[in-house]
Protein backbone atom coordinates (compact mmCIF):
# COMPACT_ATOMS: atom_id res chain seq x y z
CA UNK A 1 -31.93 -8.13 53.43
CA UNK A 2 -28.82 -10.28 53.97
CA UNK A 3 -25.34 -8.71 53.80
CA UNK A 4 -24.56 -10.81 50.70
CA UNK A 5 -27.70 -9.61 48.88
CA UNK A 6 -26.97 -6.02 49.82
CA UNK A 7 -23.40 -6.36 48.57
CA UNK A 8 -24.62 -7.79 45.25
CA UNK A 9 -27.01 -4.85 44.81
CA UNK A 10 -24.23 -2.36 45.44
CA UNK A 11 -21.70 -4.09 43.19
CA UNK A 12 -22.30 -3.09 39.54
CA UNK A 13 -20.12 -5.96 38.34
CA UNK A 14 -22.05 -8.63 40.26
CA UNK A 15 -23.65 -11.56 38.49
CA UNK A 16 -26.72 -10.53 36.53
CA UNK A 17 -25.46 -6.97 35.97
CA UNK A 18 -23.92 -6.57 32.49
CA UNK A 19 -20.89 -4.26 32.22
CA UNK A 20 -21.39 -1.09 30.21
CA UNK A 21 -20.57 -1.46 26.49
CA UNK A 22 -17.06 -0.39 25.52
CA UNK A 23 -18.41 2.17 23.04
CA UNK A 24 -20.30 3.95 25.83
CA UNK A 25 -17.09 4.28 27.85
CA UNK A 26 -15.28 6.01 24.98
CA UNK A 27 -15.34 9.72 24.21
CA UNK A 28 -17.85 10.60 21.48
CA UNK A 29 -15.06 11.56 19.07
CA UNK A 30 -13.41 8.13 19.49
CA UNK A 31 -16.56 6.12 18.73
CA UNK A 32 -16.28 6.83 14.99
CA UNK A 33 -12.58 7.41 14.22
CA UNK A 34 -9.69 7.59 16.67
CA UNK A 35 -6.37 9.08 15.61
CA UNK A 36 -4.91 7.73 18.86
CA UNK A 37 -5.74 4.13 17.92
CA UNK A 38 -4.43 4.64 14.39
CA UNK A 39 -1.26 6.26 15.74
CA UNK A 40 -0.74 3.46 18.23
CA UNK A 41 -0.89 0.84 15.48
CA UNK A 42 1.49 2.86 13.29
CA UNK A 43 3.92 3.08 16.22
CA UNK A 44 3.70 -0.68 16.73
CA UNK A 45 4.78 -1.35 13.14
CA UNK A 46 7.35 1.46 13.20
CA UNK A 47 9.05 0.02 16.30
CA UNK A 48 8.87 -3.47 14.80
CA UNK A 49 10.53 -2.27 11.59
CA UNK A 50 13.04 0.03 13.29
CA UNK A 51 14.19 -2.76 15.60
CA UNK A 52 15.03 -5.12 12.72
CA UNK A 53 18.10 -4.30 10.62
CA UNK A 54 17.26 -7.02 8.02
CA UNK A 55 13.82 -5.46 7.49
CA UNK A 56 15.31 -2.01 6.94
CA UNK A 57 17.99 -3.35 4.58
CA UNK A 58 15.40 -5.29 2.56
CA UNK A 59 13.28 -2.17 2.12
CA UNK A 60 16.14 -0.17 0.58
CA UNK A 61 18.11 -3.01 -1.08
CA UNK A 62 15.89 -3.96 -4.01
CA UNK A 63 15.12 -0.42 -5.25
CA UNK A 64 18.86 0.35 -5.36
CA UNK A 65 19.62 -2.90 -7.20
CA UNK A 66 16.93 -2.03 -9.75
CA UNK A 67 18.30 1.46 -10.28
CA UNK A 68 21.88 0.24 -10.72
CA UNK A 69 20.83 -2.50 -13.17
CA UNK A 70 18.63 -0.27 -15.30
CA UNK A 71 21.21 2.49 -15.13
CA UNK A 72 23.61 0.26 -17.07
CA UNK A 73 20.82 -0.69 -19.50
CA UNK A 74 20.05 2.98 -20.09
CA UNK A 75 23.73 3.79 -20.64
CA UNK A 76 23.93 1.09 -23.30
CA UNK A 77 20.71 2.04 -25.07
CA UNK A 78 21.53 5.75 -25.02
CA UNK A 79 24.39 4.94 -27.40
CA UNK A 80 22.01 3.16 -29.76
CA UNK A 81 18.78 5.16 -29.60
CA UNK A 82 18.37 8.93 -29.84
CA UNK A 83 14.90 8.58 -28.25
CA UNK A 84 16.27 7.10 -25.06
CA UNK A 85 19.10 9.63 -25.00
CA UNK A 86 16.56 12.44 -25.41
CA UNK A 87 14.40 11.01 -22.65
CA UNK A 88 17.31 11.48 -20.24
CA UNK A 89 16.98 8.32 -18.17
CA UNK A 90 13.43 7.29 -19.03
CA UNK A 91 14.05 3.73 -17.90
CA UNK A 92 15.47 4.83 -14.56
CA UNK A 93 12.43 7.02 -13.99
CA UNK A 94 10.18 4.11 -14.89
CA UNK A 95 12.02 1.84 -12.43
CA UNK A 96 11.67 4.35 -9.60
CA UNK A 97 7.97 4.90 -10.22
CA UNK A 98 7.31 1.17 -10.61
CA UNK A 99 8.99 0.65 -7.27
CA UNK A 100 6.59 3.16 -5.71
CA UNK A 101 3.70 0.93 -6.81
CA UNK A 102 5.52 -2.24 -5.78
CA UNK A 103 6.51 -0.89 -2.34
CA UNK A 104 3.08 0.63 -1.73
CA UNK A 105 1.52 -2.81 -2.18
CA UNK A 106 4.13 -4.66 -0.11
CA UNK A 107 4.16 -1.97 2.57
CA UNK A 108 0.43 -2.53 3.10
CA UNK A 109 0.33 -6.31 2.85
CA UNK A 110 3.50 -7.06 4.82
CA UNK A 111 2.32 -4.88 7.71
CA UNK A 112 -0.95 -6.81 7.62
CA UNK A 113 0.91 -10.13 7.44
CA UNK A 114 2.91 -9.17 10.55
CA UNK A 115 -0.34 -9.20 12.52
CA UNK A 116 -1.31 -12.58 11.08
CA UNK A 117 2.10 -14.19 11.55
CA UNK A 118 2.16 -13.13 15.21
CA UNK A 119 -1.50 -14.13 15.69
CA UNK A 120 -2.14 -10.61 16.91
CA UNK A 121 -5.14 -9.68 14.76
CA UNK A 122 -7.73 -11.11 17.14
CA UNK A 123 -6.05 -9.40 20.10
CA UNK A 124 -6.15 -6.04 18.34
CA UNK A 125 -9.88 -6.24 17.82
CA UNK A 126 -10.60 -7.02 21.45
CA UNK A 127 -9.81 -3.31 21.78
CA UNK A 128 -12.12 -0.63 20.32
CA UNK A 129 -10.02 -0.59 17.11
CA UNK A 130 -12.18 -0.38 13.98
CA UNK A 131 -11.32 -2.24 10.73
CA UNK A 132 -11.11 1.02 8.77
CA UNK A 133 -8.71 2.41 11.38
CA UNK A 134 -6.53 -0.65 10.77
CA UNK A 135 -6.65 0.15 7.03
CA UNK A 136 -5.64 3.77 7.60
CA UNK A 137 -2.69 2.73 9.76
CA UNK A 138 -1.58 0.17 7.15
CA UNK A 139 -1.80 2.81 4.41
CA UNK A 140 0.34 5.15 6.50
CA UNK A 141 2.94 2.43 7.06
CA UNK A 142 2.85 1.78 3.32
CA UNK A 143 3.83 5.42 2.68
CA UNK A 144 6.64 5.22 5.26
CA UNK A 145 8.01 1.95 3.84
CA UNK A 146 7.82 3.29 0.28
CA UNK A 147 9.69 6.48 1.13
CA UNK A 148 12.37 4.51 3.00
CA UNK A 149 12.83 2.27 -0.04
CA UNK A 150 12.58 4.70 -2.96
CA UNK A 151 14.33 7.79 -1.56
CA UNK A 152 17.76 6.12 -1.17
CA UNK A 153 17.37 4.65 -4.67
CA UNK A 154 16.64 8.12 -6.09
CA UNK A 155 19.89 9.36 -4.52
CA UNK A 156 21.79 6.47 -6.10
CA UNK A 157 20.30 7.42 -9.47
CA UNK A 158 21.34 11.03 -8.93
CA UNK A 159 24.96 10.35 -7.94
CA UNK A 160 25.70 7.41 -10.24
CA UNK A 161 23.71 8.30 -13.36
CA UNK A 162 23.11 12.04 -12.95
CA UNK A 163 19.38 11.41 -13.20
CA UNK A 164 17.28 13.55 -10.88
CA UNK A 165 13.70 12.32 -10.79
CA UNK A 166 12.77 15.38 -8.72
CA UNK A 167 13.23 17.47 -11.87
CA UNK A 168 9.75 16.25 -12.81
CA UNK A 169 8.40 18.75 -10.28
CA UNK A 170 4.74 18.70 -9.27
CA UNK A 171 3.83 15.94 -11.78
CA UNK A 172 6.03 13.62 -9.71
CA UNK A 173 3.76 14.20 -6.72
CA UNK A 174 0.72 13.35 -8.87
CA UNK A 175 2.39 10.16 -10.15
CA UNK A 176 3.46 9.18 -6.63
CA UNK A 177 -0.03 9.67 -5.13
CA UNK A 178 -1.75 7.67 -7.88
CA UNK A 179 0.71 4.80 -7.66
CA UNK A 180 0.41 4.73 -3.87
CA UNK A 181 -3.37 4.51 -4.17
CA UNK A 182 -3.09 1.64 -6.67
CA UNK A 183 -0.71 -0.16 -4.30
CA UNK A 184 -3.29 0.17 -1.51
CA UNK A 185 -5.99 -1.23 -3.79
CA UNK A 186 -3.91 -4.33 -4.54
CA UNK A 187 -2.99 -4.62 -0.86
CA UNK A 188 -6.64 -4.50 0.20
CA UNK A 189 -7.56 -7.18 -2.35
CA UNK A 190 -4.70 -9.46 -1.31
CA UNK A 191 -5.47 -8.96 2.40
CA UNK A 192 -9.12 -9.81 1.75
CA UNK A 193 -8.09 -12.99 -0.01
CA UNK A 194 -5.78 -14.01 2.84
CA UNK A 195 -8.52 -13.34 5.39
CA UNK A 196 -10.88 -15.52 3.36
CA UNK A 197 -8.66 -18.52 2.54
CA UNK A 198 -5.74 -18.21 4.98
CA UNK A 199 -2.00 -17.61 4.74
CA UNK A 200 -1.70 -20.14 1.94
CA UNK A 201 -2.53 -17.19 -0.33
CA UNK A 202 0.14 -14.84 1.05
CA UNK A 203 2.27 -15.17 -2.10
CA UNK A 204 -0.45 -13.32 -3.98
CA UNK A 205 1.09 -10.07 -2.69
CA UNK A 206 3.93 -10.64 -5.16
CA UNK A 207 1.99 -12.52 -7.84
CA UNK A 208 -0.78 -9.95 -8.22
CA UNK A 209 1.47 -6.90 -8.48
CA UNK A 210 3.54 -8.42 -11.30
CA UNK A 211 0.36 -9.46 -13.11
CA UNK A 212 -0.29 -5.72 -13.62
CA UNK A 213 3.19 -4.99 -14.95
CA UNK A 214 2.73 -6.01 -18.63
CA UNK A 215 -0.45 -3.90 -18.90
CA UNK A 216 0.96 -0.87 -17.09
CA UNK A 217 3.36 0.18 -19.83
CA UNK A 218 6.23 0.60 -17.40
CA UNK A 219 9.02 0.35 -19.98
CA UNK A 220 7.10 0.77 -23.24
CA UNK A 221 4.10 2.75 -24.53
CA UNK A 222 0.63 1.22 -24.28
CA UNK A 223 0.40 1.57 -28.07
CA UNK A 224 2.67 -1.44 -28.58
CA UNK A 225 0.04 -3.73 -27.03
CA UNK A 226 -2.64 -5.42 -29.14
CA UNK A 227 -5.71 -3.20 -29.47
CA UNK A 228 -7.86 -5.41 -27.24
CA UNK A 229 -5.26 -5.24 -24.45
CA UNK A 230 -4.97 -1.48 -24.81
CA UNK A 231 -8.58 -1.13 -23.63
CA UNK A 232 -7.77 -3.28 -20.61
CA UNK A 233 -4.59 -1.32 -19.90
CA UNK A 234 -6.35 2.03 -19.96
CA UNK A 235 -8.84 0.70 -17.39
CA UNK A 236 -5.88 0.50 -14.98
CA UNK A 237 -4.50 3.62 -13.25
CA UNK A 238 -0.77 2.72 -13.66
CA UNK A 239 -1.05 2.80 -17.45
CA UNK A 240 -2.11 6.46 -17.29
CA UNK A 241 0.67 7.24 -14.82
CA UNK A 242 3.48 5.79 -16.95
CA UNK A 243 2.08 7.28 -20.16
CA UNK A 244 1.98 10.63 -18.38
CA UNK A 245 5.53 10.16 -17.14
CA UNK A 246 6.84 9.61 -20.68
CA UNK A 247 5.05 12.73 -21.94
CA UNK A 248 6.65 14.82 -19.20
CA UNK A 249 10.14 13.39 -19.78
CA UNK A 250 10.08 13.43 -23.59
CA UNK A 251 7.86 16.40 -24.45
CA UNK A 252 7.91 18.35 -21.20
CA UNK A 253 4.09 18.47 -20.99
CA UNK A 254 1.78 17.23 -18.25
CA UNK A 255 -1.22 15.38 -19.67
CA UNK A 256 -4.20 16.26 -17.50
CA UNK A 257 -6.35 13.67 -19.23
CA UNK A 258 -4.15 10.83 -18.03
CA UNK A 259 -3.99 12.39 -14.56
CA UNK A 260 -7.77 12.73 -14.21
CA UNK A 261 -8.32 9.21 -15.56
CA UNK A 262 -5.87 7.78 -13.01
CA UNK A 263 -7.51 9.71 -10.16
CA UNK A 264 -11.02 8.64 -11.18
CA UNK A 265 -10.09 4.98 -11.60
CA UNK A 266 -8.18 4.93 -8.32
CA UNK A 267 -11.11 6.50 -6.49
CA UNK A 268 -13.51 3.90 -7.89
CA UNK A 269 -11.27 0.91 -7.23
CA UNK A 270 -10.30 2.14 -3.76
CA UNK A 271 -13.94 2.38 -2.67
CA UNK A 272 -14.69 -1.08 -4.09
CA UNK A 273 -11.61 -2.74 -2.58
CA UNK A 274 -12.24 -1.14 0.80
CA UNK A 275 -15.83 -2.38 0.70
CA UNK A 276 -14.67 -5.90 -0.13
CA UNK A 277 -12.10 -5.86 2.69
CA UNK A 278 -14.60 -4.64 5.29
CA UNK A 279 -17.16 -7.22 4.20
CA UNK A 280 -14.64 -10.10 4.28
CA UNK A 281 -13.37 -8.86 7.63
CA UNK A 282 -16.90 -8.87 9.05
CA UNK A 283 -17.41 -12.47 7.88
CA UNK A 284 -14.03 -13.54 9.32
CA UNK A 285 -14.85 -11.94 12.67
CA UNK A 286 -18.31 -13.54 12.81
CA UNK A 287 -16.82 -16.96 12.09
CA UNK A 288 -14.01 -16.56 14.62
CA UNK A 289 -11.29 -16.71 11.95
CA UNK A 290 -9.31 -13.78 13.33
CA UNK A 291 -7.94 -15.96 16.12
CA UNK A 292 -7.13 -18.91 13.87
CA UNK A 293 -5.07 -17.27 11.12
CA UNK A 294 -1.34 -17.42 11.78
CA UNK A 295 1.85 -19.32 11.23
């Protein structure tokens, strides 16, 4: 046997010898779900956001502007309507909760857009990162972005208008969780659309969220809608959240029916939207679109 042939036989990376699959080189616990990969992606977006003052200012700016504006509206209406005065800042509470839904959606989609704008999505999936791990990291960043945006606004509402949304107690946690889930659902749908047709559809992150606003009953009861639209509204989780919010603020009671309806609808839509995203992602990866989407 020649020295060259012997060297080829001893070298596992020689031509004709395939390298071991990446999955086989990973620990068994990392082949299904890796908290390290999820944490690494969260850190990437956290450092990206923390290193940009304009990004941080934008996150907190709009919620505070909304609270200040609707604070003046509430002050005016409280002089004209005993219902609004009795509600004790119902509009301000509605603004804060609406911003949870709005920020949850944008927190998910903008983090996803960052990967597309930097043409980094294809590079990420050269690693063992799974698509559902990407989704979990984006959901976590959505929570972080939402808290950074809404918490300062809640303090503004407390000091300027003496409205403390935390007086809602445990129902506030239920409202927050349901609105976060709905934001993720919209974010998954928008991200799927962008993966399918490209960044020309990126504006849908803003368009789609405001399409839900008239049917969510943010500033008025669902009962003011035409009967046909009421059925559509009650098929959406936010309608149950804002109806439940008004019951807590006006009557001091937590409606479990609205809560369970919101949880059930969110669970159904979250499974469906996640399935759509994973399917569209698989198609995009098979067609080599992950490397072509970008600015």
